[in-house]
Protein backbone atom coordinates (compact mmCIF):
# COMPACT_ATOMS: atom_id res chain seq x y z
CA MET A 1 -0.05 -0.07 0.01
CA LYS A 2 2.90 2.44 0.82
CA LYS A 3 4.39 1.75 -2.56
CA ILE A 4 1.18 2.53 -4.37
CA VAL A 5 0.95 5.86 -2.32
CA LYS A 6 4.58 6.75 -3.20
CA LEU A 7 4.00 5.87 -6.87
CA SER A 8 0.87 8.03 -6.83
CA ILE A 9 2.72 10.91 -5.39
CA GLY A 10 5.53 10.57 -7.79
CA LEU A 11 3.01 10.60 -10.69
CA ILE A 12 1.35 13.74 -9.40
CA ILE A 13 4.83 15.52 -9.05
CA SER A 14 5.68 14.42 -12.55
CA LEU A 15 2.50 15.73 -14.05
CA PHE A 16 2.77 19.02 -12.20
CA PHE A 17 6.41 19.38 -13.53
CA ILE A 18 5.28 18.75 -17.18
CA PHE A 19 2.43 21.24 -16.78
CA ILE A 20 5.05 23.90 -15.37
CA CYS A 21 7.41 23.24 -18.28
CA LYS A 22 4.61 23.53 -20.85
CA SER A 23 3.33 26.74 -19.35
CA THR A 24 6.63 28.48 -18.80
CA TYR A 25 7.51 28.77 -22.60
CA ALA A 26 7.84 32.19 -24.04
CA ALA A 27 5.09 33.53 -26.19
CA TYR A 28 3.46 31.08 -28.67
CA THR A 29 2.66 32.01 -32.29
CA THR A 30 -0.33 30.90 -34.16
CA SER A 31 -0.22 30.47 -37.96
CA GLY A 32 -3.21 28.81 -39.70
CA GLU A 33 -4.02 25.60 -37.75
CA TYR A 34 -0.93 25.36 -35.73
CA THR A 35 0.50 27.11 -32.64
CA TYR A 36 4.19 26.86 -32.25
CA ASN A 37 7.08 27.84 -30.32
CA ASP A 38 10.52 29.20 -31.54
CA LEU A 39 13.37 27.11 -30.46
CA ASP A 40 16.92 28.26 -29.75
CA ASP A 41 18.32 26.68 -32.99
CA GLY A 42 15.99 28.67 -35.32
CA THR A 43 13.49 25.82 -35.78
CA ILE A 44 10.20 25.42 -34.17
CA SER A 45 8.05 23.05 -32.22
CA ILE A 46 4.36 22.54 -32.74
CA VAL A 47 2.58 23.09 -29.51
CA GLU A 48 -1.05 22.59 -30.87
CA TYR A 49 -3.05 21.56 -33.77
CA LYS A 50 -6.35 23.60 -33.91
CA GLY A 51 -7.70 22.06 -37.24
CA ASN A 52 -10.53 19.64 -37.79
CA SER A 53 -9.24 17.63 -40.76
CA LYS A 54 -9.67 13.87 -41.00
CA ASN A 55 -6.33 13.57 -42.81
CA VAL A 56 -3.51 15.92 -41.59
CA GLU A 57 -0.16 16.38 -43.36
CA VAL A 58 1.97 18.40 -40.95
CA PRO A 59 3.97 20.98 -42.97
CA SER A 60 7.78 20.79 -43.07
CA THR A 61 7.82 24.55 -42.49
CA ILE A 62 5.51 27.09 -40.86
CA ASP A 63 6.21 30.82 -41.41
CA SER A 64 9.52 29.68 -43.18
CA LYS A 65 10.67 28.03 -40.13
CA LYS A 66 11.61 24.34 -40.08
CA VAL A 67 9.28 22.15 -37.86
CA THR A 68 11.61 19.74 -35.80
CA LYS A 69 9.44 18.89 -32.81
CA LEU A 70 5.95 18.00 -31.62
CA GLU A 71 5.43 19.12 -28.07
CA LEU A 72 3.29 17.50 -25.32
CA TRP A 73 -0.30 17.14 -26.16
CA ALA A 74 0.21 18.84 -29.63
CA PHE A 75 -2.96 16.91 -30.97
CA LYS A 76 -4.57 16.05 -27.53
CA ASP A 77 -8.16 14.87 -27.63
CA ASN A 78 -8.63 15.52 -31.33
CA SER A 79 -11.44 13.06 -32.28
CA THR A 80 -11.70 14.06 -35.82
CA VAL A 81 -8.20 13.20 -37.21
CA THR A 82 -7.78 9.63 -38.52
CA THR A 83 -4.46 9.90 -40.49
CA ILE A 84 -1.53 12.16 -39.72
CA VAL A 85 1.69 12.33 -41.97
CA LEU A 86 4.66 13.91 -40.30
CA PRO A 87 7.34 15.72 -42.34
CA GLU A 88 10.85 14.79 -42.95
CA GLY A 89 13.02 17.00 -40.79
CA LEU A 90 10.89 16.22 -37.61
CA THR A 91 13.38 14.81 -35.05
CA THR A 92 11.37 14.66 -31.74
CA ILE A 93 7.97 13.55 -30.59
CA GLU A 94 7.18 14.31 -26.86
CA ALA A 95 4.89 12.22 -24.55
CA TYR A 96 1.21 12.34 -25.05
CA ALA A 97 1.57 14.28 -28.52
CA PHE A 98 -1.40 12.26 -29.81
CA ASP A 99 -3.04 11.56 -26.38
CA GLY A 100 -6.91 10.93 -26.72
CA CYS A 101 -6.95 11.02 -30.65
CA SER A 102 -9.79 8.37 -30.37
CA ASN A 103 -10.32 7.79 -34.25
CA LEU A 104 -6.63 7.93 -35.10
CA THR A 105 -5.78 4.80 -37.18
CA THR A 106 -2.49 5.81 -39.12
CA ILE A 107 0.61 7.76 -38.26
CA LYS A 108 3.43 8.00 -40.84
CA LEU A 109 6.70 8.89 -38.91
CA PRO A 110 9.51 10.44 -40.79
CA SER A 111 12.97 8.86 -41.19
CA THR A 112 14.47 11.91 -39.49
CA LEU A 113 12.87 11.00 -36.28
CA ASN A 114 15.67 10.37 -33.60
CA TYR A 115 13.73 10.79 -30.28
CA ILE A 116 10.36 9.65 -29.22
CA SER A 117 8.62 9.01 -25.99
CA ARG A 118 6.94 5.71 -25.77
CA LEU A 119 3.93 7.44 -24.44
CA PHE A 120 3.43 9.54 -27.70
CA ILE A 121 0.28 7.60 -28.51
CA GLU A 122 -1.57 7.11 -25.31
CA GLU A 123 -5.18 6.67 -25.50
CA CYS A 124 -5.35 5.98 -29.34
CA PRO A 125 -7.46 2.80 -29.35
CA LYS A 126 -7.82 2.61 -33.12
CA LEU A 127 -4.27 3.33 -33.95
CA THR A 128 -2.90 0.13 -35.88
CA ASN A 129 -0.80 1.51 -38.51
CA TYR A 130 2.61 3.13 -37.79
CA THR A 131 6.20 1.95 -38.08
CA ILE A 132 9.04 3.24 -35.96
CA PRO A 133 11.86 4.36 -38.34
CA GLU A 134 15.25 2.72 -38.37
CA GLY A 135 17.24 5.90 -37.50
CA LEU A 136 15.53 6.34 -34.05
CA THR A 137 18.31 6.66 -31.42
CA LYS A 138 16.14 7.14 -28.27
CA ILE A 139 12.82 5.90 -27.08
CA SER A 140 12.16 7.27 -23.60
CA ASN A 141 10.14 6.04 -20.83
CA GLY A 142 7.97 9.16 -20.95
CA ASP A 143 10.27 11.60 -19.50
CA TYR A 144 10.14 15.26 -20.88
CA GLN A 145 13.07 16.25 -23.08
CA ARG A 146 13.91 19.94 -23.31
């Protein structure tokens, strides 16, 4: 019982940390269906997809900036999307990026992907079609990478 309590407290602290990390970013920018964050290397990370398309092809650039990362909860609870194609050049997918995408069946992951959280597809009961690319160098246990 003590172990369960300790694990529960640890989970709560971890979720609080993730929330703080997500909310302490500098100003976000919205362009079309995407909200993004500028990264130090001149590229961007997608913070949120605001569209309602069934088939989504994430662009490789937004506002002439290269997309290299999907943040926590980028597509959270999107029940419309069924297929997502991610662009070449994307290197990182954070935990819960597709959390709660209840009708998502297919994700096309790019060959440039080198970091992915094993929790990137939580609560996607219909997802059956995706292949982890060979160039992937790290699959995390759900920790947040900055």
